[in-house]
Amino acid sequence: AAQNLIRDVLNGFFILLEDQYGVGDVITVGTLSGGVERFNLRITVLRDLEGKVHFIPNSTIAQVTVASRDWARAVIDVQVAYETPVDKALEVVKSEAEAFFQDPTWRDKFTTDPPEMLGVQTLGDFGMMIRVLFNTKPKEQWAVGREFRRRIKLRLDNEQIEIPYPTRKVING
């Protein structure tokens, strides 16, 4: 037990010394993700999305992923039906991303970098996937992602561009 306590304190010391994360950061440790509510030399306390509190001994922390350091990125994939002309789909997604980036009510959630249109990411079973990236301020990537998905759905509906859904073709002999 004393060895575990010493390992906890040593790991906690290096977490503090290296400024790996702090209270308020959103981190992933192993399979647990959440906001850091508090930490000390012995333990790190996380609260997950469901409100559950996890007490993690610092000695068990081998790798930490911090989702709220300096800046973040919302990676948005928009799937459109194969019947859609690819250049039209790319232009619609790009113009909506640029309009969203310029929206004064959302502008303060982004960094100064404009959205990056990566283009067609995959050709899937039911449609083509278009990817766009938004660089955001820390912890804003989730809200930006949700709002852009809402906006692009409305825009695709307005442009009469279908979002694909699973279909099955049956050929009767």
N, C-alpha and C. Protein backbone atom coordinates (compact mmCIF):
# COMPACT_ATOMS: atom_id res chain seq x y z
N ALA A 1 0.83 -1.20 0.00
CA ALA A 1 0.00 0.00 0.00
C ALA A 1 0.87 1.25 0.00
N ALA A 2 1.97 1.21 0.74
CA ALA A 2 2.86 2.37 0.81
C ALA A 2 3.52 2.61 -0.55
N GLN A 3 3.83 1.52 -1.26
CA GLN A 3 4.43 1.67 -2.59
C GLN A 3 3.46 2.36 -3.54
N ASN A 4 2.18 1.98 -3.50
CA ASN A 4 1.17 2.62 -4.34
C ASN A 4 1.04 4.10 -4.01
N LEU A 5 1.05 4.41 -2.72
CA LEU A 5 0.96 5.80 -2.30
C LEU A 5 2.14 6.61 -2.83
N ILE A 6 3.33 6.03 -2.75
CA ILE A 6 4.53 6.72 -3.26
C ILE A 6 4.43 6.91 -4.78
N ARG A 7 3.95 5.89 -5.50
CA ARG A 7 3.77 6.02 -6.96
C ARG A 7 2.72 7.09 -7.29
N ASP A 8 1.62 7.11 -6.50
CA ASP A 8 0.59 8.13 -6.70
C ASP A 8 1.19 9.53 -6.57
N VAL A 9 1.95 9.74 -5.51
CA VAL A 9 2.52 11.06 -5.23
C VAL A 9 3.54 11.44 -6.30
N LEU A 10 4.39 10.50 -6.72
CA LEU A 10 5.38 10.80 -7.76
C LEU A 10 4.70 11.16 -9.08
N ASN A 11 3.73 10.37 -9.48
CA ASN A 11 3.00 10.68 -10.72
C ASN A 11 2.28 12.02 -10.60
N GLY A 12 1.65 12.26 -9.45
CA GLY A 12 0.97 13.53 -9.22
C GLY A 12 1.92 14.70 -9.28
N PHE A 13 3.11 14.51 -8.74
CA PHE A 13 4.13 15.55 -8.79
C PHE A 13 4.49 15.89 -10.24
N PHE A 14 4.69 14.86 -11.07
CA PHE A 14 5.04 15.11 -12.48
C PHE A 14 3.87 15.69 -13.27
N ILE A 15 2.65 15.31 -12.94
CA ILE A 15 1.48 15.92 -13.58
C ILE A 15 1.46 17.42 -13.31
N LEU A 16 1.71 17.79 -12.06
CA LEU A 16 1.75 19.21 -11.69
C LEU A 16 2.96 19.91 -12.31
N LEU A 17 4.12 19.32 -12.20
CA LEU A 17 5.36 19.92 -12.69
C LEU A 17 5.31 20.17 -14.20
N GLU A 18 4.77 19.21 -14.94
CA GLU A 18 4.72 19.31 -16.40
C GLU A 18 3.46 20.00 -16.89
N ASP A 19 2.60 20.42 -15.97
CA ASP A 19 1.35 21.09 -16.32
C ASP A 19 0.58 20.31 -17.39
N GLN A 20 0.42 19.00 -17.14
CA GLN A 20 -0.25 18.14 -18.12
C GLN A 20 -1.72 18.48 -18.28
N TYR A 21 -2.39 18.79 -17.18
CA TYR A 21 -3.80 19.19 -17.20
C TYR A 21 -4.11 19.89 -15.90
N GLY A 22 -5.27 20.54 -15.89
CA GLY A 22 -5.66 21.26 -14.69
C GLY A 22 -7.15 21.16 -14.46
N VAL A 23 -7.60 21.74 -13.39
CA VAL A 23 -9.03 21.76 -13.07
C VAL A 23 -9.76 22.48 -14.21
N GLY A 24 -10.84 21.87 -14.68
CA GLY A 24 -11.61 22.43 -15.78
C GLY A 24 -11.27 21.84 -17.13
N ASP A 25 -10.11 21.21 -17.26
CA ASP A 25 -9.76 20.57 -18.52
C ASP A 25 -10.63 19.35 -18.75
N VAL A 26 -10.84 19.02 -20.01
CA VAL A 26 -11.55 17.80 -20.40
C VAL A 26 -10.48 16.81 -20.84
N ILE A 27 -10.43 15.66 -20.17
CA ILE A 27 -9.38 14.69 -20.45
C ILE A 27 -9.95 13.28 -20.62
N THR A 28 -9.13 12.43 -21.21
CA THR A 28 -9.41 11.01 -21.29
C THR A 28 -8.25 10.28 -20.64
N VAL A 29 -8.58 9.40 -19.70
CA VAL A 29 -7.60 8.55 -19.05
C VAL A 29 -8.11 7.12 -19.22
N GLY A 30 -7.42 6.34 -20.02
CA GLY A 30 -7.90 4.99 -20.31
C GLY A 30 -9.24 5.07 -21.02
N THR A 31 -10.25 4.44 -20.43
CA THR A 31 -11.59 4.45 -21.04
C THR A 31 -12.49 5.54 -20.45
N LEU A 32 -11.97 6.31 -19.50
CA LEU A 32 -12.76 7.35 -18.84
C LEU A 32 -12.49 8.72 -19.43
N SER A 33 -13.56 9.46 -19.69
CA SER A 33 -13.43 10.83 -20.17
C SER A 33 -14.31 11.73 -19.31
N GLY A 34 -13.85 12.95 -19.11
CA GLY A 34 -14.65 13.90 -18.35
C GLY A 34 -13.88 15.15 -18.02
N GLY A 35 -14.55 16.01 -17.27
CA GLY A 35 -13.92 17.24 -16.82
C GLY A 35 -13.20 17.01 -15.51
N VAL A 36 -12.01 17.59 -15.40
CA VAL A 36 -11.24 17.47 -14.16
C VAL A 36 -11.87 18.39 -13.13
N GLU A 37 -12.42 17.79 -12.08
CA GLU A 37 -13.03 18.59 -11.01
C GLU A 37 -11.99 19.01 -9.99
N ARG A 38 -11.06 18.12 -9.72
CA ARG A 38 -9.96 18.45 -8.81
C ARG A 38 -8.87 17.40 -8.97
N PHE A 39 -7.69 17.75 -8.56
CA PHE A 39 -6.62 16.78 -8.51
C PHE A 39 -5.60 17.24 -7.48
N ASN A 40 -4.89 16.28 -6.97
CA ASN A 40 -3.81 16.57 -6.03
C ASN A 40 -2.69 15.57 -6.30
N LEU A 41 -1.75 15.48 -5.42
CA LEU A 41 -0.62 14.57 -5.66
C LEU A 41 -1.03 13.11 -5.67
N ARG A 42 -2.16 12.77 -5.07
CA ARG A 42 -2.57 11.37 -4.98
C ARG A 42 -3.59 10.94 -6.01
N ILE A 43 -4.62 11.77 -6.26
CA ILE A 43 -5.71 11.35 -7.15
C ILE A 43 -6.11 12.47 -8.12
N THR A 44 -6.77 12.05 -9.20
CA THR A 44 -7.42 12.95 -10.14
C THR A 44 -8.90 12.60 -10.12
N VAL A 45 -9.75 13.61 -10.01
CA VAL A 45 -11.19 13.40 -9.94
C VAL A 45 -11.83 13.92 -11.24
N LEU A 46 -12.49 13.00 -11.96
CA LEU A 46 -13.16 13.33 -13.22
C LEU A 46 -14.67 13.20 -13.05
N ARG A 47 -15.41 14.08 -13.72
CA ARG A 47 -16.86 13.94 -13.80
C ARG A 47 -17.20 13.75 -15.27
N ASP A 48 -17.89 12.63 -15.59
CA ASP A 48 -18.20 12.33 -16.99
C ASP A 48 -19.50 13.00 -17.42
N LEU A 49 -19.89 12.78 -18.67
CA LEU A 49 -21.09 13.41 -19.23
C LEU A 49 -22.37 13.04 -18.49
N GLU A 50 -22.40 11.84 -17.93
CA GLU A 50 -23.59 11.40 -17.18
C GLU A 50 -23.60 11.91 -15.75
N GLY A 51 -22.56 12.66 -15.38
CA GLY A 51 -22.49 13.19 -14.03
C GLY A 51 -21.81 12.27 -13.03
N LYS A 52 -21.33 11.13 -13.49
CA LYS A 52 -20.63 10.20 -12.59
C LYS A 52 -19.25 10.75 -12.26
N VAL A 53 -18.84 10.58 -11.01
CA VAL A 53 -17.54 11.05 -10.55
C VAL A 53 -16.60 9.85 -10.46
N HIS A 54 -15.42 10.01 -11.05
CA HIS A 54 -14.42 8.94 -11.06
C HIS A 54 -13.18 9.42 -10.32
N PHE A 55 -12.73 8.61 -9.37
CA PHE A 55 -11.52 8.91 -8.61
C PHE A 55 -10.42 8.01 -9.16
N ILE A 56 -9.40 8.63 -9.75
CA ILE A 56 -8.35 7.88 -10.43
C ILE A 56 -7.04 8.09 -9.68
N PRO A 57 -6.47 7.01 -9.12
CA PRO A 57 -5.16 7.16 -8.48
C PRO A 57 -4.12 7.58 -9.54
N ASN A 58 -3.32 8.55 -9.22
CA ASN A 58 -2.34 9.06 -10.19
C ASN A 58 -1.36 7.99 -10.65
N SER A 59 -1.11 6.99 -9.83
CA SER A 59 -0.16 5.93 -10.22
C SER A 59 -0.69 5.09 -11.36
N THR A 60 -2.00 5.09 -11.60
CA THR A 60 -2.57 4.28 -12.68
C THR A 60 -2.65 5.05 -14.00
N ILE A 61 -2.30 6.33 -13.97
CA ILE A 61 -2.39 7.14 -15.19
C ILE A 61 -1.12 6.95 -16.00
N ALA A 62 -1.27 6.23 -17.12
CA ALA A 62 -0.12 6.00 -18.01
C ALA A 62 -0.14 6.96 -19.18
N GLN A 63 -1.34 7.32 -19.64
CA GLN A 63 -1.47 8.23 -20.77
C GLN A 63 -2.70 9.09 -20.57
N VAL A 64 -2.58 10.38 -20.87
CA VAL A 64 -3.69 11.32 -20.74
C VAL A 64 -3.86 12.03 -22.08
N THR A 65 -5.11 12.13 -22.52
CA THR A 65 -5.44 12.92 -23.70
C THR A 65 -6.23 14.13 -23.24
N VAL A 66 -5.74 15.32 -23.56
CA VAL A 66 -6.40 16.56 -23.14
C VAL A 66 -7.13 17.14 -24.34
N ALA A 67 -8.44 17.33 -24.21
CA ALA A 67 -9.27 17.84 -25.31
C ALA A 67 -9.52 19.34 -25.20
N SER A 68 -8.88 19.99 -24.23
CA SER A 68 -9.20 21.40 -24.00
C SER A 68 -7.95 22.26 -23.81
N ARG A 69 -6.89 21.91 -24.49
CA ARG A 69 -5.64 22.67 -24.35
C ARG A 69 -5.45 23.59 -25.55
N ASP A 70 -5.30 24.87 -25.33
CA ASP A 70 -4.97 25.89 -26.33
C ASP A 70 -6.05 26.08 -27.40
N TRP A 71 -6.35 25.06 -28.17
CA TRP A 71 -7.38 25.12 -29.21
C TRP A 71 -7.88 23.70 -29.44
N ALA A 72 -8.99 23.59 -30.15
CA ALA A 72 -9.58 22.29 -30.43
C ALA A 72 -10.05 22.26 -31.87
N ARG A 73 -10.53 21.12 -32.30
CA ARG A 73 -11.00 21.01 -33.68
C ARG A 73 -12.29 20.22 -33.72
N ALA A 74 -13.27 20.78 -34.43
CA ALA A 74 -14.51 20.06 -34.73
C ALA A 74 -14.33 19.44 -36.11
N VAL A 75 -14.37 18.11 -36.16
CA VAL A 75 -14.24 17.37 -37.41
C VAL A 75 -15.64 16.95 -37.80
N ILE A 76 -16.14 17.50 -38.90
CA ILE A 76 -17.52 17.26 -39.30
C ILE A 76 -17.55 16.50 -40.61
N ASP A 77 -18.22 15.36 -40.59
CA ASP A 77 -18.43 14.56 -41.79
C ASP A 77 -19.89 14.69 -42.21
N VAL A 78 -20.09 15.05 -43.47
CA VAL A 78 -21.43 15.22 -44.02
C VAL A 78 -21.58 14.21 -45.14
N GLN A 79 -22.54 13.31 -45.00
CA GLN A 79 -22.74 12.30 -46.03
C GLN A 79 -23.87 12.73 -46.95
N VAL A 80 -23.62 12.64 -48.26
CA VAL A 80 -24.64 12.97 -49.26
C VAL A 80 -24.79 11.80 -50.21
N ALA A 81 -25.97 11.72 -50.82
CA ALA A 81 -26.29 10.61 -51.70
C ALA A 81 -25.44 10.67 -52.97
N TYR A 82 -25.18 9.51 -53.55
CA TYR A 82 -24.39 9.43 -54.78
C TYR A 82 -25.06 10.14 -55.95
N GLU A 83 -26.36 10.31 -55.89
CA GLU A 83 -27.07 10.98 -56.97
C GLU A 83 -26.74 12.48 -57.04
N THR A 84 -26.17 13.01 -55.97
CA THR A 84 -25.81 14.43 -55.92
C THR A 84 -24.55 14.69 -56.72
N PRO A 85 -24.55 15.67 -57.60
CA PRO A 85 -23.30 16.03 -58.28
C PRO A 85 -22.24 16.44 -57.25
N VAL A 86 -21.09 15.82 -57.32
CA VAL A 86 -20.07 15.99 -56.29
C VAL A 86 -19.65 17.46 -56.14
N ASP A 87 -19.47 18.17 -57.23
CA ASP A 87 -19.04 19.56 -57.14
C ASP A 87 -20.10 20.45 -56.49
N LYS A 88 -21.36 20.15 -56.74
CA LYS A 88 -22.44 20.91 -56.09
C LYS A 88 -22.43 20.65 -54.59
N ALA A 89 -22.28 19.39 -54.20
CA ALA A 89 -22.25 19.05 -52.77
C ALA A 89 -21.08 19.74 -52.07
N LEU A 90 -19.91 19.71 -52.70
CA LEU A 90 -18.74 20.36 -52.12
C LEU A 90 -18.96 21.86 -51.96
N GLU A 91 -19.55 22.49 -52.96
CA GLU A 91 -19.78 23.94 -52.90
C GLU A 91 -20.79 24.29 -51.81
N VAL A 92 -21.84 23.50 -51.66
CA VAL A 92 -22.85 23.77 -50.64
C VAL A 92 -22.23 23.64 -49.24
N VAL A 93 -21.49 22.58 -49.00
CA VAL A 93 -20.87 22.39 -47.68
C VAL A 93 -19.86 23.50 -47.40
N LYS A 94 -19.06 23.84 -48.40
CA LYS A 94 -18.06 24.90 -48.23
C LYS A 94 -18.72 26.24 -47.93
N SER A 95 -19.73 26.62 -48.69
CA SER A 95 -20.36 27.92 -48.48
C SER A 95 -21.07 27.98 -47.13
N GLU A 96 -21.66 26.86 -46.71
CA GLU A 96 -22.32 26.85 -45.39
C GLU A 96 -21.29 26.95 -44.27
N ALA A 97 -20.14 26.29 -44.44
CA ALA A 97 -19.07 26.37 -43.44
C ALA A 97 -18.55 27.80 -43.32
N GLU A 98 -18.35 28.46 -44.45
CA GLU A 98 -17.86 29.84 -44.43
C GLU A 98 -18.89 30.78 -43.81
N ALA A 99 -20.16 30.58 -44.14
CA ALA A 99 -21.22 31.43 -43.56
C ALA A 99 -21.30 31.23 -42.04
N PHE A 100 -21.18 30.00 -41.60
CA PHE A 100 -21.20 29.70 -40.17
C PHE A 100 -20.02 30.36 -39.46
N PHE A 101 -18.84 30.27 -40.06
CA PHE A 101 -17.63 30.86 -39.50
C PHE A 101 -17.78 32.38 -39.35
N GLN A 102 -18.49 33.02 -40.26
CA GLN A 102 -18.66 34.47 -40.24
C GLN A 102 -19.84 34.94 -39.37
N ASP A 103 -20.68 34.01 -38.93
CA ASP A 103 -21.85 34.36 -38.13
C ASP A 103 -21.41 35.04 -36.83
N PRO A 104 -21.82 36.31 -36.61
CA PRO A 104 -21.36 37.03 -35.43
C PRO A 104 -21.75 36.38 -34.10
N THR A 105 -22.85 35.64 -34.08
CA THR A 105 -23.25 35.01 -32.82
C THR A 105 -22.38 33.80 -32.47
N TRP A 106 -21.66 33.26 -33.45
CA TRP A 106 -20.80 32.10 -33.21
C TRP A 106 -19.32 32.43 -33.37
N ARG A 107 -18.98 33.58 -33.90
CA ARG A 107 -17.61 33.92 -34.27
C ARG A 107 -16.63 33.79 -33.10
N ASP A 108 -17.06 34.11 -31.90
CA ASP A 108 -16.14 34.07 -30.75
C ASP A 108 -15.80 32.65 -30.30
N LYS A 109 -16.44 31.64 -30.88
CA LYS A 109 -16.16 30.25 -30.52
C LYS A 109 -15.01 29.68 -31.36
N PHE A 110 -14.66 30.37 -32.45
CA PHE A 110 -13.62 29.90 -33.36
C PHE A 110 -12.28 30.57 -33.07
N THR A 111 -11.21 29.92 -33.54
CA THR A 111 -9.92 30.60 -33.59
C THR A 111 -9.94 31.49 -34.82
N THR A 112 -8.84 32.11 -35.16
CA THR A 112 -8.80 32.98 -36.33
C THR A 112 -8.71 32.20 -37.64
N ASP A 113 -8.42 30.90 -37.57
CA ASP A 113 -8.29 30.09 -38.78
C ASP A 113 -9.66 29.82 -39.40
N PRO A 114 -9.80 30.07 -40.70
CA PRO A 114 -11.08 29.78 -41.37
C PRO A 114 -11.30 28.27 -41.47
N PRO A 115 -12.53 27.84 -41.74
CA PRO A 115 -12.79 26.40 -41.87
C PRO A 115 -11.96 25.82 -43.02
N GLU A 116 -11.58 24.58 -42.84
CA GLU A 116 -10.78 23.90 -43.86
C GLU A 116 -11.63 22.82 -44.50
N MET A 117 -11.85 22.97 -45.78
CA MET A 117 -12.65 22.01 -46.54
C MET A 117 -11.71 20.93 -47.07
N LEU A 118 -11.83 19.71 -46.54
CA LEU A 118 -10.95 18.64 -46.98
C LEU A 118 -11.46 17.96 -48.24
N GLY A 119 -12.77 18.01 -48.45
CA GLY A 119 -13.35 17.40 -49.65
C GLY A 119 -13.94 16.04 -49.36
N VAL A 120 -13.99 15.21 -50.41
CA VAL A 120 -14.59 13.89 -50.28
C VAL A 120 -13.65 13.01 -49.48
N GLN A 121 -14.11 12.58 -48.33
CA GLN A 121 -13.30 11.78 -47.41
C GLN A 121 -13.38 10.29 -47.75
N THR A 122 -14.59 9.81 -47.99
CA THR A 122 -14.77 8.39 -48.31
C THR A 122 -15.94 8.24 -49.28
N LEU A 123 -15.90 7.13 -49.97
CA LEU A 123 -17.04 6.71 -50.79
C LEU A 123 -17.59 5.48 -50.09
N GLY A 124 -18.69 5.67 -49.37
CA GLY A 124 -19.23 4.62 -48.52
C GLY A 124 -20.26 3.76 -49.21
N ASP A 125 -20.89 2.92 -48.43
CA ASP A 125 -21.91 2.01 -48.94
C ASP A 125 -23.12 2.73 -49.49
N PHE A 126 -23.47 3.88 -48.89
CA PHE A 126 -24.72 4.54 -49.26
C PHE A 126 -24.53 5.94 -49.83
N GLY A 127 -23.34 6.50 -49.68
CA GLY A 127 -23.11 7.85 -50.18
C GLY A 127 -21.68 8.27 -50.01
N MET A 128 -21.39 9.50 -50.41
CA MET A 128 -20.03 10.03 -50.27
C MET A 128 -19.98 10.92 -49.03
N MET A 129 -18.84 10.83 -48.34
CA MET A 129 -18.64 11.57 -47.10
C MET A 129 -17.74 12.76 -47.38
N ILE A 130 -18.22 13.96 -47.02
CA ILE A 130 -17.48 15.19 -47.20
C ILE A 130 -17.03 15.66 -45.82
N ARG A 131 -15.75 16.01 -45.70
CA ARG A 131 -15.21 16.41 -44.40
C ARG A 131 -14.80 17.88 -44.40
N VAL A 132 -15.17 18.55 -43.31
CA VAL A 132 -14.78 19.94 -43.09
C VAL A 132 -14.27 20.06 -41.65
N LEU A 133 -13.26 20.91 -41.44
CA LEU A 133 -12.65 21.09 -40.13
C LEU A 133 -12.84 22.53 -39.66
N PHE A 134 -13.20 22.69 -38.38
CA PHE A 134 -13.29 24.01 -37.76
C PHE A 134 -12.33 24.03 -36.58
N ASN A 135 -11.42 24.98 -36.55
CA ASN A 135 -10.57 25.17 -35.38
C ASN A 135 -11.32 26.06 -34.40
N THR A 136 -11.44 25.59 -33.17
CA THR A 136 -12.25 26.29 -32.17
C THR A 136 -11.42 26.61 -30.94
N LYS A 137 -11.99 27.44 -30.11
CA LYS A 137 -11.41 27.68 -28.80
C LYS A 137 -11.64 26.42 -27.95
N PRO A 138 -10.85 26.22 -26.90
CA PRO A 138 -10.99 25.02 -26.08
C PRO A 138 -12.42 24.80 -25.59
N LYS A 139 -12.86 23.56 -25.66
CA LYS A 139 -14.16 23.10 -25.19
C LYS A 139 -15.34 23.61 -26.01
N GLU A 140 -15.09 24.25 -27.14
CA GLU A 140 -16.17 24.73 -28.00
C GLU A 140 -16.43 23.80 -29.18
N GLN A 141 -15.55 22.82 -29.39
CA GLN A 141 -15.66 21.94 -30.57
C GLN A 141 -16.97 21.17 -30.61
N TRP A 142 -17.50 20.81 -29.46
CA TRP A 142 -18.73 20.01 -29.44
C TRP A 142 -19.94 20.87 -29.82
N ALA A 143 -20.03 22.06 -29.28
CA ALA A 143 -21.14 22.96 -29.63
C ALA A 143 -21.06 23.38 -31.09
N VAL A 144 -19.86 23.67 -31.57
CA VAL A 144 -19.69 24.05 -32.98
C VAL A 144 -20.11 22.90 -33.88
N GLY A 145 -19.71 21.68 -33.54
CA GLY A 145 -20.09 20.52 -34.33
C GLY A 145 -21.59 20.31 -34.39
N ARG A 146 -22.25 20.41 -33.25
CA ARG A 146 -23.70 20.23 -33.21
C ARG A 146 -24.42 21.30 -34.03
N GLU A 147 -23.98 22.55 -33.89
CA GLU A 147 -24.63 23.64 -34.62
C GLU A 147 -24.39 23.53 -36.12
N PHE A 148 -23.17 23.15 -36.53
CA PHE A 148 -22.94 23.03 -37.97
C PHE A 148 -23.75 21.87 -38.55
N ARG A 149 -23.87 20.77 -37.84
CA ARG A 149 -24.69 19.65 -38.33
C ARG A 149 -26.15 20.09 -38.51
N ARG A 150 -26.65 20.89 -37.58
CA ARG A 150 -28.02 21.41 -37.70
C ARG A 150 -28.14 22.30 -38.93
N ARG A 151 -27.19 23.20 -39.08
CA ARG A 151 -27.23 24.13 -40.21
C ARG A 151 -27.07 23.42 -41.55
N ILE A 152 -26.17 22.46 -41.63
CA ILE A 152 -25.95 21.80 -42.91
C ILE A 152 -27.14 20.93 -43.28
N LYS A 153 -27.83 20.37 -42.29
CA LYS A 153 -29.04 19.59 -42.58
C LYS A 153 -30.11 20.50 -43.18
N LEU A 154 -30.30 21.67 -42.59
CA LEU A 154 -31.27 22.63 -43.13
C LEU A 154 -30.88 23.07 -44.54
N ARG A 155 -29.60 23.32 -44.74
CA ARG A 155 -29.13 23.77 -46.06
C ARG A 155 -29.28 22.67 -47.10
N LEU A 156 -28.94 21.44 -46.74
CA LEU A 156 -29.10 20.32 -47.69
C LEU A 156 -30.57 20.15 -48.06
N ASP A 157 -31.45 20.27 -47.08
CA ASP A 157 -32.89 20.19 -47.37
C ASP A 157 -33.29 21.30 -48.34
N ASN A 158 -32.81 22.51 -48.09
CA ASN A 158 -33.13 23.65 -48.93
C ASN A 158 -32.61 23.47 -50.36
N GLU A 159 -31.44 22.85 -50.50
CA GLU A 159 -30.83 22.63 -51.81
C GLU A 159 -31.33 21.34 -52.47
N GLN A 160 -32.21 20.63 -51.76
CA GLN A 160 -32.76 19.35 -52.22
C GLN A 160 -31.64 18.32 -52.49
N ILE A 161 -30.70 18.29 -51.56
CA ILE A 161 -29.63 17.30 -51.60
C ILE A 161 -29.96 16.25 -50.55
N GLU A 162 -30.03 15.01 -50.97
CA GLU A 162 -30.42 13.93 -50.06
C GLU A 162 -29.26 13.46 -49.19
N ILE A 163 -29.61 13.19 -47.94
CA ILE A 163 -28.70 12.47 -47.05
C ILE A 163 -29.04 11.00 -47.24
N PRO A 164 -28.06 10.16 -47.54
CA PRO A 164 -28.38 8.77 -47.87
C PRO A 164 -28.84 7.97 -46.66
N TYR A 165 -29.54 6.92 -46.95
CA TYR A 165 -29.97 5.99 -45.93
C TYR A 165 -29.85 4.59 -46.52
N PRO A 166 -29.70 3.61 -45.66
CA PRO A 166 -29.51 2.24 -46.18
C PRO A 166 -30.68 1.78 -47.04
N THR A 167 -30.34 1.26 -48.18
CA THR A 167 -31.36 0.67 -49.08
C THR A 167 -30.85 -0.67 -49.54
N ARG A 168 -31.76 -1.49 -49.97
CA ARG A 168 -31.40 -2.81 -50.45
C ARG A 168 -32.12 -3.05 -51.77
N LYS A 169 -31.37 -3.46 -52.74
CA LYS A 169 -31.93 -3.74 -54.06
C LYS A 169 -32.15 -5.24 -54.15
N VAL A 170 -33.40 -5.62 -54.43
CA VAL A 170 -33.75 -7.04 -54.54
C VAL A 170 -34.06 -7.33 -56.00
N ILE A 171 -33.36 -8.29 -56.55
CA ILE A 171 -33.59 -8.69 -57.94
C ILE A 171 -34.28 -10.04 -57.91
N ASN A 172 -35.47 -10.06 -58.48
CA ASN A 172 -36.26 -11.28 -58.47
C ASN A 172 -36.04 -12.00 -59.81
N GLY A 173 -35.43 -13.18 -59.75
CA GLY A 173 -34.99 -14.03 -60.80
C GLY A 173 -35.71 -14.12 -62.04
